[in-house]
PDB file of all heavy atoms in Angstrom:
ATOM      1  N   LYS A   1      32.319-112.239   4.933  1.00  0.00           N
ATOM      2  CA  LYS A   1      33.000-113.318   5.644  1.00  0.00           C
ATOM      3  C   LYS A   1      32.740-113.267   7.140  1.00  0.00           C
ATOM      4  O   LYS A   1      32.751-114.301   7.819  1.00  0.00           O
ATOM      5  CB  LYS A   1      34.514-113.241   5.389  1.00  0.00           C
ATOM      6  CG  LYS A   1      34.922-113.446   3.939  1.00  0.00           C
ATOM      7  CD  LYS A   1      36.430-113.282   3.791  1.00  0.00           C
ATOM      8  CE  LYS A   1      36.868-113.453   2.342  1.00  0.00           C
ATOM      9  NZ  LYS A   1      36.697-114.856   1.880  1.00  0.00           N
ATOM     10  N   LEU A   2      32.490-112.044   7.673  1.00  0.00           N
ATOM     11  CA  LEU A   2      32.290-111.918   9.122  1.00  0.00           C
ATOM     12  C   LEU A   2      31.640-110.580   9.458  1.00  0.00           C
ATOM     13  O   LEU A   2      32.047-109.533   8.939  1.00  0.00           O
ATOM     14  CB  LEU A   2      33.633-112.033   9.855  1.00  0.00           C
ATOM     15  CG  LEU A   2      33.605-112.020  11.387  1.00  0.00           C
ATOM     16  CD1 LEU A   2      32.733-113.158  11.940  1.00  0.00           C
ATOM     17  CD2 LEU A   2      35.016-112.114  11.947  1.00  0.00           C
ATOM     18  N   PHE A   3      30.634-110.631  10.314  1.00  0.00           N
ATOM     19  CA  PHE A   3      29.981-109.433  10.864  1.00  0.00           C
ATOM     20  C   PHE A   3      30.320-109.398  12.349  1.00  0.00           C
ATOM     21  O   PHE A   3      29.966-110.308  13.098  1.00  0.00           O
ATOM     22  CB  PHE A   3      28.467-109.521  10.661  1.00  0.00           C
ATOM     23  CG  PHE A   3      27.697-108.309  11.159  1.00  0.00           C
ATOM     24  CD1 PHE A   3      27.232-107.356  10.274  1.00  0.00           C
ATOM     25  CD2 PHE A   3      27.436-108.129  12.518  1.00  0.00           C
ATOM     26  CE1 PHE A   3      26.517-106.249  10.710  1.00  0.00           C
ATOM     27  CE2 PHE A   3      26.721-107.028  12.972  1.00  0.00           C
ATOM     28  CZ  PHE A   3      26.264-106.079  12.062  1.00  0.00           C
ATOM     29  N   ILE A   4      31.030-108.340  12.774  1.00  0.00           N
ATOM     30  CA  ILE A   4      31.435-108.207  14.179  1.00  0.00           C
ATOM     31  C   ILE A   4      30.616-107.088  14.821  1.00  0.00           C
ATOM     32  O   ILE A   4      30.638-105.943  14.352  1.00  0.00           O
ATOM     33  CB  ILE A   4      32.934-107.899  14.301  1.00  0.00           C
ATOM     34  CG1 ILE A   4      33.761-109.068  13.760  1.00  0.00           C
ATOM     35  CG2 ILE A   4      33.308-107.628  15.756  1.00  0.00           C
ATOM     36  CD1 ILE A   4      35.253-108.813  13.757  1.00  0.00           C
ATOM     37  N   HIS A   5      29.921-107.426  15.891  1.00  0.00           N
ATOM     38  CA  HIS A   5      29.138-106.438  16.637  1.00  0.00           C
ATOM     39  C   HIS A   5      29.818-106.172  17.970  1.00  0.00           C
ATOM     40  O   HIS A   5      30.097-107.098  18.740  1.00  0.00           O
ATOM     41  CB  HIS A   5      27.721-106.962  16.884  1.00  0.00           C
ATOM     42  CG  HIS A   5      26.906-106.084  17.792  1.00  0.00           C
ATOM     43  ND1 HIS A   5      26.503-104.822  17.432  1.00  0.00           N
ATOM     44  CD2 HIS A   5      26.417-106.292  19.052  1.00  0.00           C
ATOM     45  CE1 HIS A   5      25.803-104.283  18.417  1.00  0.00           C
ATOM     46  NE2 HIS A   5      25.740-105.158  19.406  1.00  0.00           N
ATOM     47  N   ILE A   6      30.092-104.896  18.237  1.00  0.00           N
ATOM     48  CA  ILE A   6      30.724-104.515  19.505  1.00  0.00           C
ATOM     49  C   ILE A   6      29.623-104.250  20.529  1.00  0.00           C
ATOM     50  O   ILE A   6      28.888-103.264  20.443  1.00  0.00           O
ATOM     51  CB  ILE A   6      31.610-103.264  19.352  1.00  0.00           C
ATOM     52  CG1 ILE A   6      32.593-103.450  18.195  1.00  0.00           C
ATOM     53  CG2 ILE A   6      32.342-102.992  20.661  1.00  0.00           C
ATOM     54  CD1 ILE A   6      33.510-104.630  18.305  1.00  0.00           C
ATOM     55  N   SER A   7      29.512-105.136  21.494  1.00  0.00           N
ATOM     56  CA  SER A   7      28.541-104.993  22.566  1.00  0.00           C
ATOM     57  C   SER A   7      29.274-104.490  23.817  1.00  0.00           C
ATOM     58  O   SER A   7      30.214-103.713  23.709  1.00  0.00           O
ATOM     59  CB  SER A   7      27.848-106.345  22.813  1.00  0.00           C
ATOM     60  OG  SER A   7      26.836-106.227  23.789  1.00  0.00           O
ATOM     61  N   THR A   8      28.880-104.924  24.984  1.00  0.00           N
ATOM     62  CA  THR A   8      29.550-104.564  26.235  1.00  0.00           C
ATOM     63  C   THR A   8      29.318-105.665  27.253  1.00  0.00           C
ATOM     64  O   THR A   8      28.256-106.298  27.258  1.00  0.00           O
ATOM     65  CB  THR A   8      29.044-103.223  26.799  1.00  0.00           C
ATOM     66  OG1 THR A   8      29.584-103.023  28.115  1.00  0.00           O
ATOM     67  CG2 THR A   8      27.534-103.202  26.912  1.00  0.00           C
ATOM     68  N   SER A   9      30.286-105.893  28.104  1.00  0.00           N
ATOM     69  CA  SER A   9      30.136-106.915  29.145  1.00  0.00           C
ATOM     70  C   SER A   9      29.222-106.440  30.270  1.00  0.00           C
ATOM     71  O   SER A   9      28.900-107.213  31.173  1.00  0.00           O
ATOM     72  CB  SER A   9      31.502-107.306  29.709  1.00  0.00           C
ATOM     73  OG  SER A   9      32.166-106.189  30.259  1.00  0.00           O
ATOM     74  N   TYR A  10      28.785-105.172  30.201  1.00  0.00           N
ATOM     75  CA  TYR A  10      27.888-104.628  31.223  1.00  0.00           C
ATOM     76  C   TYR A  10      26.470-104.428  30.674  1.00  0.00           C
ATOM     77  O   TYR A  10      25.789-103.469  31.040  1.00  0.00           O
ATOM     78  CB  TYR A  10      28.435-103.305  31.750  1.00  0.00           C
ATOM     79  CG  TYR A  10      29.622-103.469  32.680  1.00  0.00           C
ATOM     80  CD1 TYR A  10      30.923-103.419  32.192  1.00  0.00           C
ATOM     81  CD2 TYR A  10      29.437-103.686  34.036  1.00  0.00           C
ATOM     82  CE1 TYR A  10      32.010-103.576  33.040  1.00  0.00           C
ATOM     83  CE2 TYR A  10      30.522-103.846  34.884  1.00  0.00           C
ATOM     84  CZ  TYR A  10      31.805-103.786  34.385  1.00  0.00           C
ATOM     85  OH  TYR A  10      32.887-103.952  35.225  1.00  0.00           O
ATOM     86  N   CYS A  11      26.017-105.335  29.799  1.00  0.00           N
ATOM     87  CA  CYS A  11      24.657-105.181  29.267  1.00  0.00           C
ATOM     88  C   CYS A  11      23.687-106.224  29.818  1.00  0.00           C
ATOM     89  O   CYS A  11      22.496-106.160  29.524  1.00  0.00           O
ATOM     90  CB  CYS A  11      24.652-105.213  27.742  1.00  0.00           C
ATOM     91  SG  CYS A  11      25.049-106.803  27.028  1.00  0.00           S
ATOM     92  N   HIS A  12      24.160-107.165  30.607  1.00  0.00           N
ATOM     93  CA  HIS A  12      23.287-108.148  31.257  1.00  0.00           C
ATOM     94  C   HIS A  12      23.555-108.082  32.760  1.00  0.00           C
ATOM     95  O   HIS A  12      24.135-108.992  33.359  1.00  0.00           O
ATOM     96  CB  HIS A  12      23.537-109.552  30.708  1.00  0.00           C
ATOM     97  CG  HIS A  12      23.262-109.682  29.248  1.00  0.00           C
ATOM     98  ND1 HIS A  12      21.977-109.678  28.735  1.00  0.00           N
ATOM     99  CD2 HIS A  12      24.100-109.785  28.176  1.00  0.00           C
ATOM    100  CE1 HIS A  12      22.037-109.790  27.412  1.00  0.00           C
ATOM    101  NE2 HIS A  12      23.304-109.858  27.055  1.00  0.00           N
ATOM    102  N   LEU A  13      23.143-106.978  33.343  1.00  0.00           N
ATOM    103  CA  LEU A  13      23.542-106.656  34.713  1.00  0.00           C
ATOM    104  C   LEU A  13      22.889-107.546  35.756  1.00  0.00           C
ATOM    105  O   LEU A  13      23.292-107.546  36.916  1.00  0.00           O
ATOM    106  CB  LEU A  13      23.236-105.185  35.004  1.00  0.00           C
ATOM    107  CG  LEU A  13      23.984-104.196  34.094  1.00  0.00           C
ATOM    108  CD1 LEU A  13      23.537-102.773  34.365  1.00  0.00           C
ATOM    109  CD2 LEU A  13      25.492-104.317  34.270  1.00  0.00           C
ATOM    110  N   GLN A  14      21.876-108.306  35.355  1.00  0.00           N
ATOM    111  CA  GLN A  14      21.263-109.239  36.293  1.00  0.00           C
ATOM    112  C   GLN A  14      22.160-110.456  36.510  1.00  0.00           C
ATOM    113  O   GLN A  14      21.959-111.230  37.456  1.00  0.00           O
ATOM    114  CB  GLN A  14      19.876-109.688  35.792  1.00  0.00           C
ATOM    115  CG  GLN A  14      19.900-110.674  34.631  1.00  0.00           C
ATOM    116  CD  GLN A  14      20.148-110.023  33.272  1.00  0.00           C
ATOM    117  OE1 GLN A  14      20.406-108.827  33.186  1.00  0.00           O
ATOM    118  NE2 GLN A  14      20.065-110.804  32.212  1.00  0.00           N
ATOM    119  N   GLU A  15      23.148-110.634  35.645  1.00  0.00           N
ATOM    120  CA  GLU A  15      24.073-111.762  35.754  1.00  0.00           C
ATOM    121  C   GLU A  15      25.322-111.327  36.511  1.00  0.00           C
ATOM    122  O   GLU A  15      26.121-110.552  35.993  1.00  0.00           O
ATOM    123  CB  GLU A  15      24.460-112.269  34.354  1.00  0.00           C
ATOM    124  CG  GLU A  15      23.291-112.683  33.495  1.00  0.00           C
ATOM    125  CD  GLU A  15      22.577-113.906  34.038  1.00  0.00           C
ATOM    126  OE1 GLU A  15      23.221-114.729  34.707  1.00  0.00           O
ATOM    127  OE2 GLU A  15      21.355-114.033  33.789  1.00  0.00           O
ATOM    128  N   LYS A  16      25.512-111.835  37.720  1.00  0.00           N
ATOM    129  CA  LYS A  16      26.688-111.473  38.497  1.00  0.00           C
ATOM    130  C   LYS A  16      27.949-112.154  37.971  1.00  0.00           C
ATOM    131  O   LYS A  16      29.062-111.714  38.235  1.00  0.00           O
ATOM    132  CB  LYS A  16      26.474-111.817  39.973  1.00  0.00           C
ATOM    133  CG  LYS A  16      25.401-110.963  40.641  1.00  0.00           C
ATOM    134  CD  LYS A  16      25.737-109.479  40.547  1.00  0.00           C
ATOM    135  CE  LYS A  16      24.687-108.602  41.214  1.00  0.00           C
ATOM    136  NZ  LYS A  16      25.007-107.156  41.066  1.00  0.00           N
ATOM    137  N   LEU A  17      27.777-113.246  37.226  1.00  0.00           N
ATOM    138  CA  LEU A  17      28.880-113.887  36.507  1.00  0.00           C
ATOM    139  C   LEU A  17      28.460-113.988  35.046  1.00  0.00           C
ATOM    140  O   LEU A  17      27.575-114.773  34.699  1.00  0.00           O
ATOM    141  CB  LEU A  17      29.194-115.275  37.067  1.00  0.00           C
ATOM    142  CG  LEU A  17      30.244-116.076  36.278  1.00  0.00           C
ATOM    143  CD1 LEU A  17      31.598-115.362  36.313  1.00  0.00           C
ATOM    144  CD2 LEU A  17      30.365-117.495  36.820  1.00  0.00           C
ATOM    145  N   LEU A  18      29.064-113.177  34.194  1.00  0.00           N
ATOM    146  CA  LEU A  18      28.694-113.156  32.780  1.00  0.00           C
ATOM    147  C   LEU A  18      29.498-114.209  32.028  1.00  0.00           C
ATOM    148  O   LEU A  18      30.726-114.134  31.948  1.00  0.00           O
ATOM    149  CB  LEU A  18      28.962-111.774  32.179  1.00  0.00           C
ATOM    150  CG  LEU A  18      28.448-111.602  30.746  1.00  0.00           C
ATOM    151  CD1 LEU A  18      26.942-111.373  30.759  1.00  0.00           C
ATOM    152  CD2 LEU A  18      29.158-110.446  30.050  1.00  0.00           C
ATOM    153  N   GLU A  19      28.809-115.177  31.476  1.00  0.00           N
ATOM    154  CA  GLU A  19      29.462-116.214  30.695  1.00  0.00           C
ATOM    155  C   GLU A  19      29.456-115.840  29.215  1.00  0.00           C
ATOM    156  O   GLU A  19      28.775-114.906  28.790  1.00  0.00           O
ATOM    157  CB  GLU A  19      28.760-117.556  30.922  1.00  0.00           C
ATOM    158  CG  GLU A  19      28.793-118.007  32.378  1.00  0.00           C
ATOM    159  CD  GLU A  19      28.211-119.400  32.563  1.00  0.00           C
ATOM    160  OE1 GLU A  19      28.623-120.316  31.816  1.00  0.00           O
ATOM    161  OE2 GLU A  19      27.344-119.557  33.445  1.00  0.00           O
ATOM    162  N   GLU A  20      30.204-116.606  28.434  1.00  0.00           N
ATOM    163  CA  GLU A  20      30.310-116.315  27.004  1.00  0.00           C
ATOM    164  C   GLU A  20      29.202-117.052  26.250  1.00  0.00           C
ATOM    165  O   GLU A  20      29.432-118.028  25.535  1.00  0.00           O
ATOM    166  CB  GLU A  20      31.707-116.695  26.505  1.00  0.00           C
ATOM    167  CG  GLU A  20      32.789-115.839  27.157  1.00  0.00           C
ATOM    168  CD  GLU A  20      34.184-116.152  26.673  1.00  0.00           C
ATOM    169  OE1 GLU A  20      34.667-117.259  26.955  1.00  0.00           O
ATOM    170  OE2 GLU A  20      34.799-115.298  26.007  1.00  0.00           O
ATOM    171  N   LYS A  21      28.005-116.553  26.452  1.00  0.00           N
ATOM    172  CA  LYS A  21      26.831-117.143  25.821  1.00  0.00           C
ATOM    173  C   LYS A  21      25.767-116.079  25.666  1.00  0.00           C
ATOM    174  O   LYS A  21      25.855-114.981  26.240  1.00  0.00           O
ATOM    175  CB  LYS A  21      26.297-118.301  26.669  1.00  0.00           C
ATOM    176  CG  LYS A  21      25.747-117.870  28.028  1.00  0.00           C
ATOM    177  CD  LYS A  21      25.204-119.066  28.808  1.00  0.00           C
ATOM    178  CE  LYS A  21      24.530-118.611  30.114  1.00  0.00           C
ATOM    179  NZ  LYS A  21      23.997-119.759  30.878  1.00  0.00           N
ATOM    180  N   ALA A  22      24.742-116.386  24.891  1.00  0.00           N
ATOM    181  CA  ALA A  22      23.630-115.458  24.691  1.00  0.00           C
ATOM    182  C   ALA A  22      22.695-115.501  25.891  1.00  0.00           C
ATOM    183  O   ALA A  22      22.509-116.555  26.517  1.00  0.00           O
ATOM    184  CB  ALA A  22      22.865-115.816  23.425  1.00  0.00           C
ATOM    185  N   TYR A  23      22.123-114.349  26.207  1.00  0.00           N
ATOM    186  CA  TYR A  23      21.132-114.243  27.282  1.00  0.00           C
ATOM    187  C   TYR A  23      19.840-113.673  26.709  1.00  0.00           C
ATOM    188  O   TYR A  23      19.870-112.915  25.726  1.00  0.00           O
ATOM    189  CB  TYR A  23      21.647-113.331  28.398  1.00  0.00           C
ATOM    190  CG  TYR A  23      22.787-113.914  29.190  1.00  0.00           C
ATOM    191  CD1 TYR A  23      24.114-113.641  28.833  1.00  0.00           C
ATOM    192  CD2 TYR A  23      22.561-114.729  30.302  1.00  0.00           C
ATOM    193  CE1 TYR A  23      25.175-114.168  29.560  1.00  0.00           C
ATOM    194  CE2 TYR A  23      23.618-115.253  31.032  1.00  0.00           C
ATOM    195  CZ  TYR A  23      24.911-114.979  30.653  1.00  0.00           C
ATOM    196  OH  TYR A  23      25.965-115.509  31.375  1.00  0.00           O
ATOM    197  N   PRO A  24      18.716-114.016  27.298  1.00  0.00           N
ATOM    198  CA  PRO A  24      17.450-113.442  26.820  1.00  0.00           C
ATOM    199  C   PRO A  24      17.460-111.923  26.939  1.00  0.00           C
ATOM    200  O   PRO A  24      17.914-111.386  27.959  1.00  0.00           O
ATOM    201  CB  PRO A  24      16.399-114.063  27.755  1.00  0.00           C
ATOM    202  CG  PRO A  24      17.057-115.263  28.345  1.00  0.00           C
ATOM    203  CD  PRO A  24      18.518-114.943  28.423  1.00  0.00           C
ATOM    204  N   PRO A  25      16.976-111.209  25.932  1.00  0.00           N
ATOM    205  CA  PRO A  25      16.940-109.739  26.016  1.00  0.00           C
ATOM    206  C   PRO A  25      15.874-109.285  27.010  1.00  0.00           C
ATOM    207  O   PRO A  25      14.926-110.027  27.300  1.00  0.00           O
ATOM    208  CB  PRO A  25      16.596-109.316  24.594  1.00  0.00           C
ATOM    209  CG  PRO A  25      15.829-110.471  24.045  1.00  0.00           C
ATOM    210  CD  PRO A  25      16.441-111.703  24.655  1.00  0.00           C
ATOM    211  N   PRO A  26      15.982-108.066  27.534  1.00  0.00           N
ATOM    212  CA  PRO A  26      15.002-107.560  28.500  1.00  0.00           C
ATOM    213  C   PRO A  26      13.639-107.256  27.877  1.00  0.00           C
ATOM    214  O   PRO A  26      12.667-107.016  28.597  1.00  0.00           O
ATOM    215  CB  PRO A  26      15.662-106.290  29.038  1.00  0.00           C
ATOM    216  CG  PRO A  26      16.604-105.861  27.967  1.00  0.00           C
ATOM    217  CD  PRO A  26      17.098-107.123  27.332  1.00  0.00           C
ATOM    218  N   ALA A  27      13.557-107.253  26.564  1.00  0.00           N
ATOM    219  CA  ALA A  27      12.285-107.027  25.845  1.00  0.00           C
ATOM    220  C   ALA A  27      12.486-107.492  24.404  1.00  0.00           C
ATOM    221  O   ALA A  27      13.597-107.844  24.002  1.00  0.00           O
ATOM    222  CB  ALA A  27      11.893-105.550  25.895  1.00  0.00           C
ATOM    223  N   ASP A  28      11.412-107.517  23.634  1.00  0.00           N
ATOM    224  CA  ASP A  28      11.527-107.877  22.221  1.00  0.00           C
ATOM    225  C   ASP A  28      12.082-106.661  21.462  1.00  0.00           C
ATOM    226  O   ASP A  28      11.427-105.608  21.392  1.00  0.00           O
ATOM    227  CB  ASP A  28      10.152-108.245  21.667  1.00  0.00           C
ATOM    228  CG  ASP A  28      10.211-108.731  20.229  1.00  0.00           C
ATOM    229  OD1 ASP A  28      10.892-108.080  19.415  1.00  0.00           O
ATOM    230  OD2 ASP A  28       9.565-109.747  19.912  1.00  0.00           O
ATOM    231  N   PRO A  29      13.292-106.754  20.911  1.00  0.00           N
ATOM    232  CA  PRO A  29      13.890-105.579  20.255  1.00  0.00           C
ATOM    233  C   PRO A  29      13.068-105.042  19.092  1.00  0.00           C
ATOM    234  O   PRO A  29      13.018-103.825  18.873  1.00  0.00           O
ATOM    235  CB  PRO A  29      15.262-106.092  19.786  1.00  0.00           C
ATOM    236  CG  PRO A  29      15.169-107.583  19.797  1.00  0.00           C
ATOM    237  CD  PRO A  29      14.178-107.926  20.855  1.00  0.00           C
ATOM    238  N   HIS A  30      12.399-105.910  18.361  1.00  0.00           N
ATOM    239  CA  HIS A  30      11.581-105.459  17.221  1.00  0.00           C
ATOM    240  C   HIS A  30      10.387-104.627  17.701  1.00  0.00           C
ATOM    241  O   HIS A  30      10.055-103.595  17.108  1.00  0.00           O
ATOM    242  CB  HIS A  30      11.094-106.665  16.422  1.00  0.00           C
ATOM    243  CG  HIS A  30      12.203-107.518  15.874  1.00  0.00           C
ATOM    244  ND1 HIS A  30      12.935-107.153  14.771  1.00  0.00           N
ATOM    245  CD2 HIS A  30      12.716-108.710  16.311  1.00  0.00           C
ATOM    246  CE1 HIS A  30      13.846-108.089  14.520  1.00  0.00           C
ATOM    247  NE2 HIS A  30      13.737-109.051  15.437  1.00  0.00           N
ATOM    248  N   HIS A  31       9.754-105.082  18.788  1.00  0.00           N
ATOM    249  CA  HIS A  31       8.632-104.321  19.339  1.00  0.00           C
ATOM    250  C   HIS A  31       9.082-102.981  19.903  1.00  0.00           C
ATOM    251  O   HIS A  31       8.385-101.968  19.761  1.00  0.00           O
ATOM    252  CB  HIS A  31       7.938-105.143  20.434  1.00  0.00           C
ATOM    253  CG  HIS A  31       7.233-106.361  19.915  1.00  0.00           C
ATOM    254  ND1 HIS A  31       6.782-107.377  20.729  1.00  0.00           N
ATOM    255  CD2 HIS A  31       6.898-106.719  18.638  1.00  0.00           C
ATOM    256  CE1 HIS A  31       6.205-108.319  19.983  1.00  0.00           C
ATOM    257  NE2 HIS A  31       6.267-107.934  18.715  1.00  0.00           N
ATOM    258  N   ILE A  32      10.240-102.971  20.552  1.00  0.00           N
ATOM    259  CA  ILE A  32      10.756-101.712  21.120  1.00  0.00           C
ATOM    260  C   ILE A  32      11.062-100.713  20.007  1.00  0.00           C
ATOM    261  O   ILE A  32      10.761 -99.516  20.127  1.00  0.00           O
ATOM    262  CB  ILE A  32      12.010-101.986  21.978  1.00  0.00           C
ATOM    263  CG1 ILE A  32      11.653-102.822  23.216  1.00  0.00           C
ATOM    264  CG2 ILE A  32      12.674-100.676  22.398  1.00  0.00           C
ATOM    265  CD1 ILE A  32      10.718-102.126  24.193  1.00  0.00           C
ATOM    266  N   ILE A  33      11.654-101.183  18.925  1.00  0.00           N
ATOM    267  CA  ILE A  33      11.935-100.291  17.792  1.00  0.00           C
ATOM    268  C   ILE A  33      10.639 -99.682  17.257  1.00  0.00           C
ATOM    269  O   ILE A  33      10.543 -98.464  17.046  1.00  0.00           O
ATOM    270  CB  ILE A  33      12.668-101.054  16.666  1.00  0.00           C
ATOM    271  CG1 ILE A  33      14.072-101.456  17.113  1.00  0.00           C
ATOM    272  CG2 ILE A  33      12.749-100.190  15.399  1.00  0.00           C
ATOM    273  CD1 ILE A  33      14.767-102.414  16.162  1.00  0.00           C
ATOM    274  N   GLN A  34       9.639-100.512  17.046  1.00  0.00           N
ATOM    275  CA  GLN A  34       8.356-100.024  16.533  1.00  0.00           C
ATOM    276  C   GLN A  34       7.732 -99.007  17.476  1.00  0.00           C
ATOM    277  O   GLN A  34       7.208 -97.967  17.044  1.00  0.00           O
ATOM    278  CB  GLN A  34       7.410-101.203  16.317  1.00  0.00           C
ATOM    279  CG  GLN A  34       7.814-102.130  15.174  1.00  0.00           C
ATOM    280  CD  GLN A  34       6.973-103.392  15.126  1.00  0.00           C
ATOM    281  OE1 GLN A  34       6.112-103.616  15.979  1.00  0.00           O
ATOM    282  NE2 GLN A  34       7.214-104.228  14.119  1.00  0.00           N
ATOM    283  N   ALA A  35       7.789 -99.293  18.758  1.00  0.00           N
ATOM    284  CA  ALA A  35       7.202 -98.381  19.749  1.00  0.00           C
ATOM    285  C   ALA A  35       7.901 -97.025  19.736  1.00  0.00           C
ATOM    286  O   ALA A  35       7.252 -95.971  19.773  1.00  0.00           O
ATOM    287  CB  ALA A  35       7.278 -99.010  21.137  1.00  0.00           C
ATOM    288  N   MET A  36       9.237 -97.025  19.665  1.00  0.00           N
ATOM    289  CA  MET A  36       9.976 -95.763  19.681  1.00  0.00           C
ATOM    290  C   MET A  36       9.744 -94.957  18.410  1.00  0.00           C
ATOM    291  O   MET A  36       9.821 -93.725  18.418  1.00  0.00           O
ATOM    292  CB  MET A  36      11.481 -96.038  19.848  1.00  0.00           C
ATOM    293  CG  MET A  36      11.869 -96.623  21.193  1.00  0.00           C
ATOM    294  SD  MET A  36      11.442 -95.569  22.615  1.00  0.00           S
ATOM    295  CE  MET A  36      10.193 -96.592  23.398  1.00  0.00           C
ATOM    296  N   GLU A  37       9.436 -95.639  17.314  1.00  0.00           N
ATOM    297  CA  GLU A  37       9.226 -94.932  16.050  1.00  0.00           C
ATOM    298  C   GLU A  37       7.902 -94.187  16.016  1.00  0.00           C
ATOM    299  O   GLU A  37       7.808 -93.141  15.362  1.00  0.00           O
ATOM    300  CB  GLU A  37       9.303 -95.930  14.886  1.00  0.00           C
ATOM    301  CG  GLU A  37      10.718 -96.410  14.582  1.00  0.00           C
ATOM    302  CD  GLU A  37      10.769 -97.442  13.473  1.00  0.00           C
ATOM    303  OE1 GLU A  37       9.761 -98.175  13.286  1.00  0.00           O
ATOM    304  OE2 GLU A  37      11.815 -97.531  12.787  1.00  0.00           O
ATOM    305  N   TRP A  38       6.875 -94.701  16.707  1.00  0.00           N
ATOM    306  CA  TRP A  38       5.580 -94.016  16.616  1.00  0.00           C
ATOM    307  C   TRP A  38       5.161 -93.278  17.873  1.00  0.00           C
ATOM    308  O   TRP A  38       4.316 -92.381  17.815  1.00  0.00           O
ATOM    309  CB  TRP A  38       4.482 -95.000  16.222  1.00  0.00           C
ATOM    310  CG  TRP A  38       4.147 -96.071  17.227  1.00  0.00           C
ATOM    311  CD1 TRP A  38       4.606 -97.343  17.234  1.00  0.00           C
ATOM    312  CD2 TRP A  38       3.255 -95.964  18.353  1.00  0.00           C
ATOM    313  NE1 TRP A  38       4.088 -98.045  18.303  1.00  0.00           N
ATOM    314  CE2 TRP A  38       3.245 -97.220  18.994  1.00  0.00           C
ATOM    315  CE3 TRP A  38       2.465 -94.937  18.878  1.00  0.00           C
ATOM    316  CZ2 TRP A  38       2.500 -97.473  20.145  1.00  0.00           C
ATOM    317  CZ3 TRP A  38       1.714 -95.193  20.021  1.00  0.00           C
ATOM    318  CH2 TRP A  38       1.731 -96.441  20.637  1.00  0.00           C
ATOM    319  N   MET A  39       5.750 -93.595  19.031  1.00  0.00           N
ATOM    320  CA  MET A  39       5.344 -92.913  20.268  1.00  0.00           C
ATOM    321  C   MET A  39       5.934 -91.510  20.350  1.00  0.00           C
ATOM    322  O   MET A  39       7.043 -91.258  19.885  1.00  0.00           O
ATOM    323  CB  MET A  39       5.803 -93.737  21.482  1.00  0.00           C
ATOM    324  CG  MET A  39       5.024 -95.030  21.672  1.00  0.00           C
ATOM    325  SD  MET A  39       5.740 -96.126  22.935  1.00  0.00           S
ATOM    326  CE  MET A  39       5.461 -95.177  24.408  1.00  0.00           C
ATOM    327  N   ASP A  40       5.200 -90.597  20.955  1.00  0.00           N
ATOM    328  CA  ASP A  40       5.695 -89.234  21.133  1.00  0.00           C
ATOM    329  C   ASP A  40       6.619 -89.166  22.345  1.00  0.00           C
ATOM    330  O   ASP A  40       6.661 -90.070  23.181  1.00  0.00           O
ATOM    331  CB  ASP A  40       4.540 -88.246  21.292  1.00  0.00           C
ATOM    332  CG  ASP A  40       3.688 -88.546  22.517  1.00  0.00           C
ATOM    333  OD1 ASP A  40       4.088 -88.187  23.629  1.00  0.00           O
ATOM    334  OD2 ASP A  40       2.611 -89.186  22.351  1.00  0.00           O
ATOM    335  N   THR A  41       7.338 -88.072  22.443  1.00  0.00           N
ATOM    336  CA  THR A  41       8.378 -87.925  23.463  1.00  0.00           C
ATOM    337  C   THR A  41       7.829 -88.042  24.878  1.00  0.00           C
ATOM    338  O   THR A  41       8.418 -88.719  25.735  1.00  0.00           O
ATOM    339  CB  THR A  41       9.091 -86.569  23.294  1.00  0.00           C
ATOM    340  OG1 THR A  41       9.628 -86.486  21.977  1.00  0.00           O
ATOM    341  CG2 THR A  41      10.225 -86.431  24.300  1.00  0.00           C
ATOM    342  N   GLU A  42       6.697 -87.390  25.146  1.00  0.00           N
ATOM    343  CA  GLU A  42       6.145 -87.410  26.504  1.00  0.00           C
ATOM    344  C   GLU A  42       5.701 -88.813  26.900  1.00  0.00           C
ATOM    345  O   GLU A  42       5.902 -89.238  28.043  1.00  0.00           O
ATOM    346  CB  GLU A  42       4.963 -86.432  26.594  1.00  0.00           C
ATOM    347  CG  GLU A  42       5.366 -84.976  26.566  1.00  0.00           C
ATOM    348  CD  GLU A  42       6.384 -84.625  27.656  1.00  0.00           C
ATOM    349  OE1 GLU A  42       6.173 -85.050  28.807  1.00  0.00           O
ATOM    350  OE2 GLU A  42       7.383 -83.957  27.337  1.00  0.00           O
TER     351      GLU A  42
END
């Protein structure tokens, strides 16, 4: 019936006035996940 995701009001820090709307992410989340899965720590 409902999926609730707990985010934070401090995740779009480029916005000095955070409105109740979606903002573009700082990168493509799918690409970032893939990169972190195969890249080494260094």
